[in-house]
N, C-alpha and C. Protein backbone atom coordinates (compact mmCIF):
# COMPACT_ATOMS: atom_id res chain seq x y z
N UNK A 1 -4.96 17.21 -31.59
CA UNK A 1 -4.22 16.93 -30.89
C UNK A 1 -3.71 15.69 -31.39
N UNK A 2 -2.23 15.38 -30.67
CA UNK A 2 -1.55 14.24 -31.32
C UNK A 2 -1.45 13.41 -30.31
N UNK A 3 -1.75 13.20 -28.92
CA UNK A 3 -1.95 12.95 -27.78
C UNK A 3 -3.06 12.78 -27.18
N UNK A 4 -3.29 11.39 -26.25
CA UNK A 4 -4.17 11.04 -25.91
C UNK A 4 -4.15 10.77 -24.42
N UNK A 5 -5.07 11.07 -23.46
CA UNK A 5 -5.31 10.79 -22.27
C UNK A 5 -5.21 9.39 -21.84
N UNK A 6 -5.31 8.94 -20.75
CA UNK A 6 -5.94 7.96 -19.96
C UNK A 6 -6.03 7.35 -18.88
N UNK A 7 -6.49 6.70 -17.96
CA UNK A 7 -5.89 6.58 -16.81
C UNK A 7 -6.74 4.97 -16.62
N UNK A 8 -5.72 4.77 -15.53
CA UNK A 8 -5.79 2.87 -15.03
C UNK A 8 -5.98 3.23 -13.40
N UNK A 9 -7.18 2.43 -12.51
CA UNK A 9 -7.02 2.16 -11.41
C UNK A 9 -7.01 1.17 -10.79
N UNK A 10 -6.50 0.90 -9.48
CA UNK A 10 -6.80 0.45 -8.74
C UNK A 10 -6.70 0.66 -7.29
N UNK A 11 -7.50 -0.60 -5.85
CA UNK A 11 -7.60 -0.45 -5.35
C UNK A 11 -6.49 -0.28 -4.26
N UNK A 12 -6.15 0.55 -2.93
CA UNK A 12 -5.13 1.01 -2.26
C UNK A 12 -5.27 -0.31 -0.83
N UNK A 13 -3.68 -0.58 -0.65
CA UNK A 13 -3.52 -1.62 0.47
C UNK A 13 -4.27 -0.56 1.66
N UNK A 14 -4.88 -1.03 2.23
CA UNK A 14 -5.34 0.34 4.04
C UNK A 14 -3.50 -0.23 4.80
N UNK A 15 -3.80 1.27 5.22
CA UNK A 15 -2.55 1.29 5.97
C UNK A 15 -1.12 2.29 5.39
N UNK A 16 -1.60 2.94 4.06
CA UNK A 16 -0.48 3.71 3.73
C UNK A 16 -1.04 5.00 3.23
N UNK A 17 -0.12 5.57 3.63
CA UNK A 17 -0.40 7.47 3.78
C UNK A 17 -1.54 7.90 3.07
N UNK A 18 -1.25 6.93 1.36
CA UNK A 18 -1.96 7.34 0.14
C UNK A 18 -3.78 7.01 0.32
N UNK A 19 -3.67 5.65 1.27
CA UNK A 19 -4.93 5.39 1.17
C UNK A 19 -6.02 5.75 2.06
N UNK A 20 -5.26 7.07 3.12
CA UNK A 20 -5.89 7.87 3.68
C UNK A 20 -6.70 8.93 3.24
N UNK A 21 -6.37 9.36 1.85
CA UNK A 21 -6.70 10.24 1.12
C UNK A 21 -7.66 9.81 -0.30
N UNK A 22 -7.31 8.75 -0.62
CA UNK A 22 -8.07 7.73 -1.41
C UNK A 22 -8.11 6.38 -1.57
N UNK A 23 -9.13 6.03 -1.74
CA UNK A 23 -9.46 4.30 -1.76
C UNK A 23 -8.61 3.71 -2.90
N UNK A 24 -8.54 4.27 -4.00
CA UNK A 24 -7.65 3.77 -5.61
C UNK A 24 -6.63 4.57 -5.62
N UNK A 25 -5.61 3.89 -6.12
CA UNK A 25 -4.32 4.69 -6.81
C UNK A 25 -5.19 4.53 -8.37
N UNK A 26 -4.26 5.82 -8.62
CA UNK A 26 -4.99 6.56 -10.19
C UNK A 26 -3.81 6.51 -11.06
N UNK A 27 -3.68 5.98 -11.67
CA UNK A 27 -2.11 6.03 -12.71
C UNK A 27 -2.51 6.34 -14.35
N UNK A 28 -2.04 7.47 -14.77
CA UNK A 28 -2.76 8.70 -15.76
C UNK A 28 -1.69 8.94 -16.87
N UNK A 29 -1.69 8.74 -18.08
CA UNK A 29 -0.53 8.52 -18.83
C UNK A 29 -1.02 9.40 -20.22
N UNK A 30 -0.37 10.30 -20.64
CA UNK A 30 -0.38 10.97 -22.15
C UNK A 30 0.39 10.43 -22.80
N UNK A 31 -0.81 9.68 -23.57
CA UNK A 31 0.07 8.68 -25.12
C UNK A 31 0.21 9.46 -26.33
N UNK A 32 1.48 9.43 -26.71
CA UNK A 32 0.69 9.89 -28.57
C UNK A 32 0.32 8.72 -29.44
N UNK A 33 -0.40 8.92 -30.17
CA UNK A 33 -1.65 8.77 -30.67
C UNK A 33 -0.98 7.41 -31.78
N UNK A 34 0.05 7.75 -32.36
CA UNK A 34 0.56 7.40 -33.55
C UNK A 34 1.89 6.40 -33.11
N UNK A 35 2.23 6.07 -31.96
CA UNK A 35 3.49 5.41 -31.35
C UNK A 35 3.19 5.05 -30.52
N UNK A 36 1.84 5.38 -30.01
CA UNK A 36 1.62 4.72 -28.27
C UNK A 36 3.14 4.81 -27.21
N UNK A 37 3.45 5.83 -27.57
CA UNK A 37 4.49 6.36 -26.18
C UNK A 37 4.13 6.87 -25.49
N UNK A 38 4.39 6.73 -23.95
CA UNK A 38 3.84 7.29 -22.90
C UNK A 38 4.42 8.93 -22.80
N UNK A 39 4.17 9.78 -22.94
CA UNK A 39 4.66 11.51 -23.16
C UNK A 39 4.94 11.54 -22.04
N UNK A 40 3.57 11.47 -20.98
CA UNK A 40 3.87 12.09 -19.50
C UNK A 40 3.15 11.53 -18.73
N UNK A 41 3.24 11.12 -17.51
CA UNK A 41 2.45 10.31 -16.45
C UNK A 41 2.38 10.63 -15.50
N UNK A 42 1.33 10.76 -14.31
CA UNK A 42 1.20 10.83 -13.02
C UNK A 42 0.59 9.72 -12.31
N UNK A 43 0.54 10.24 -10.92
CA UNK A 43 -0.19 8.63 -10.45
C UNK A 43 -0.62 9.63 -8.81
N UNK A 44 -1.42 8.83 -8.36
CA UNK A 44 -2.14 9.39 -6.74
C UNK A 44 -0.96 8.70 -5.92
N UNK A 45 0.33 8.45 -5.70
CA UNK A 45 0.80 7.93 -4.66
C UNK A 45 0.63 9.70 -3.69
N UNK A 46 0.62 9.37 -2.48
CA UNK A 46 0.85 10.57 -1.33
C UNK A 46 2.43 11.34 -1.42
N UNK A 47 2.91 10.89 -1.94
CA UNK A 47 4.29 11.99 -2.19
C UNK A 47 4.42 12.59 -3.55
N UNK A 48 4.85 13.72 -4.02
CA UNK A 48 5.10 14.25 -5.58
C UNK A 48 6.61 13.35 -5.55
N UNK A 49 7.27 12.77 -4.45
CA UNK A 49 8.56 12.49 -4.95
C UNK A 49 8.50 10.87 -5.61
N UNK A 50 7.71 9.84 -5.31
CA UNK A 50 6.81 8.91 -5.40
C UNK A 50 6.16 9.31 -6.86
N UNK A 51 4.98 10.11 -7.01
CA UNK A 51 4.87 10.37 -8.19
C UNK A 51 5.97 10.44 -9.28
N UNK A 52 6.58 11.49 -8.85
CA UNK A 52 7.81 11.57 -9.96
C UNK A 52 8.38 10.52 -10.31
N UNK A 53 8.82 9.50 -9.52
CA UNK A 53 9.52 8.32 -9.74
C UNK A 53 8.49 7.36 -10.83
N UNK A 54 7.24 7.21 -10.47
CA UNK A 54 6.53 6.88 -11.67
C UNK A 54 6.68 7.16 -12.71
N UNK A 55 6.95 8.66 -12.91
CA UNK A 55 6.73 8.95 -14.14
C UNK A 55 8.33 8.90 -14.72
N UNK A 56 8.65 9.06 -14.18
CA UNK A 56 10.27 8.60 -14.85
C UNK A 56 10.16 7.30 -15.68
N UNK A 57 10.12 6.49 -14.21
CA UNK A 57 9.70 5.39 -14.91
C UNK A 57 9.02 4.40 -16.10
N UNK A 58 7.86 5.51 -15.90
CA UNK A 58 6.94 5.31 -17.23
C UNK A 58 7.36 6.19 -18.62
N UNK A 59 7.75 6.93 -18.82
CA UNK A 59 7.95 7.69 -19.56
C UNK A 59 8.63 6.89 -20.95
N UNK A 60 8.39 7.21 -22.56
CA UNK A 60 9.13 6.72 -23.26
C UNK A 60 9.00 5.40 -23.76
N UNK A 61 8.07 4.77 -22.85
CA UNK A 61 7.76 3.19 -23.44
C UNK A 61 6.37 3.50 -24.35
N UNK A 62 6.42 2.39 -25.33
CA UNK A 62 5.43 2.30 -26.02
C UNK A 62 4.42 1.64 -25.81
N UNK A 63 3.14 1.68 -25.53
CA UNK A 63 2.17 0.52 -25.18
C UNK A 63 1.84 0.08 -26.21
N UNK A 64 2.63 0.03 -27.74
CA UNK A 64 2.23 -0.58 -29.02
C UNK A 64 2.97 -1.77 -28.40
N UNK A 65 4.12 -1.93 -27.98
CA UNK A 65 5.18 -2.98 -27.87
C UNK A 65 4.23 -3.64 -26.38
N UNK A 66 2.68 -3.29 -25.60
CA UNK A 66 3.11 -4.31 -24.93
C UNK A 66 3.37 -3.92 -23.35
N UNK A 67 2.47 -4.19 -22.58
CA UNK A 67 3.04 -3.43 -21.01
C UNK A 67 3.97 -4.49 -20.28
N UNK A 68 4.57 -5.13 -20.83
CA UNK A 68 5.48 -6.19 -20.17
C UNK A 68 6.54 -5.73 -19.68
N UNK A 69 7.44 -4.45 -20.18
CA UNK A 69 8.46 -4.23 -19.47
C UNK A 69 7.64 -3.01 -18.65
N UNK A 70 7.54 -2.41 -19.30
CA UNK A 70 6.75 -0.70 -17.19
C UNK A 70 6.52 -1.69 -16.70
N UNK A 71 5.66 -3.14 -16.87
CA UNK A 71 5.36 -3.56 -15.80
C UNK A 71 6.90 -4.68 -14.78
N UNK A 72 7.57 -5.22 -15.46
CA UNK A 72 8.99 -5.37 -14.74
C UNK A 72 9.84 -4.14 -14.75
N UNK A 73 9.68 -3.34 -15.03
CA UNK A 73 10.63 -1.85 -14.24
C UNK A 73 9.47 -1.46 -13.13
N UNK A 74 8.36 -1.74 -13.04
CA UNK A 74 7.91 -1.33 -11.94
C UNK A 74 7.65 -2.32 -10.72
N UNK A 75 8.06 -3.74 -11.18
CA UNK A 75 8.32 -5.13 -10.66
C UNK A 75 9.45 -4.86 -10.06
N UNK A 76 10.50 -4.54 -10.43
CA UNK A 76 12.18 -4.61 -10.42
C UNK A 76 12.30 -3.57 -9.17
N UNK A 77 12.28 -2.16 -9.56
CA UNK A 77 12.30 -1.13 -8.83
C UNK A 77 11.86 -0.19 -8.07
N UNK A 78 10.09 -0.49 -7.79
CA UNK A 78 9.76 0.36 -6.91
C UNK A 78 9.48 -0.76 -5.99
N UNK A 79 9.51 -0.44 -4.79
CA UNK A 79 9.38 -1.33 -3.63
C UNK A 79 8.88 -0.89 -2.47
N UNK A 80 8.23 -0.27 -2.23
CA UNK A 80 6.66 0.23 -1.58
C UNK A 80 5.55 -0.61 -1.57
N UNK A 81 4.77 -0.18 -0.43
CA UNK A 81 3.72 -0.77 -0.08
C UNK A 81 2.96 -1.12 -1.47
N UNK A 82 2.96 0.14 -2.23
CA UNK A 82 1.95 0.68 -3.24
C UNK A 82 2.42 -0.62 -4.72
N UNK A 83 3.22 -1.54 -4.91
CA UNK A 83 3.91 -1.99 -5.72
C UNK A 83 2.89 -3.04 -6.29
N UNK A 84 1.76 -3.40 -5.88
CA UNK A 84 0.65 -4.56 -6.29
C UNK A 84 -0.54 -3.37 -7.00
N UNK A 85 -0.67 -2.05 -6.24
CA UNK A 85 -1.76 -1.67 -7.08
C UNK A 85 -1.11 -0.47 -8.21
N UNK A 86 0.09 -0.21 -7.96
CA UNK A 86 0.59 0.30 -8.99
C UNK A 86 0.78 -0.65 -10.13
N UNK A 87 0.63 -2.09 -10.21
CA UNK A 87 0.59 -3.11 -11.13
C UNK A 87 -0.69 -3.04 -12.06
N UNK A 88 -1.56 -3.42 -10.88
CA UNK A 88 -3.22 -3.45 -11.45
C UNK A 88 -3.88 -2.05 -11.74
N UNK A 89 -3.12 -0.85 -11.86
CA UNK A 89 -3.33 0.42 -12.41
C UNK A 89 -2.77 0.24 -13.51
N UNK A 90 -1.49 -0.20 -13.77
CA UNK A 90 -1.40 -0.14 -14.99
C UNK A 90 -1.46 -0.88 -16.08
N UNK A 91 -1.93 -2.08 -15.35
CA UNK A 91 -2.98 -3.17 -16.08
C UNK A 91 -4.23 -2.52 -16.60
N UNK A 92 -4.72 -1.82 -15.66
CA UNK A 92 -6.23 -1.21 -15.97
C UNK A 92 -5.86 0.09 -17.43
N UNK A 93 -4.59 0.30 -16.98
CA UNK A 93 -4.44 1.51 -18.07
C UNK A 93 -3.78 1.15 -19.25
N UNK A 94 -3.31 0.36 -19.86
CA UNK A 94 -3.16 -0.83 -21.14
C UNK A 94 -4.25 -1.71 -21.28
N UNK A 95 -5.26 -1.76 -20.94
CA UNK A 95 -6.26 -2.59 -21.00
C UNK A 95 -7.69 -1.11 -21.87
N UNK A 96 -7.45 -0.03 -21.33
CA UNK A 96 -7.78 1.12 -21.91
C UNK A 96 -7.08 1.51 -22.94
N UNK A 97 -5.83 2.02 -23.26
CA UNK A 97 -5.34 2.00 -24.35
C UNK A 97 -5.67 0.75 -25.05
N UNK A 98 -5.58 -0.24 -25.04
CA UNK A 98 -6.03 -1.57 -25.78
C UNK A 98 -7.43 -1.18 -26.98
N UNK A 99 -8.43 -0.99 -25.58
CA UNK A 99 -10.08 -0.77 -25.87
C UNK A 99 -10.48 0.16 -26.79
N UNK A 100 -9.06 1.50 -26.99
CA UNK A 100 -9.38 2.37 -27.29
C UNK A 100 -8.85 2.52 -28.82
N UNK A 101 -7.83 1.66 -29.08
CA UNK A 101 -6.93 1.54 -30.05
C UNK A 101 -7.60 0.87 -31.25
N UNK A 102 -8.49 -0.24 -30.70
CA UNK A 102 -9.42 -1.19 -31.42
C UNK A 102 -10.39 -0.73 -32.67
């Protein structure tokens, strides 16, 4: 297999549609083993549209270059209540990536 699967988790704020379904937000990513590029991503936002948007936002980023660019993109372009949870889940995902790559 040329890719790995990693998940990052964070607590959702109360009052969101997704928080009635899940207590945590999860971002999953399929990552190229050699280059660290996010090949595909998904998250547990309540709508398919939100999930697809986050996937498009993250695809193509190489985690070998750090997490700053994807974090900046989420901060800049995602303007929903789950922004802080997405940021925390993305940081957790990157932490998982770093521990696997050591």
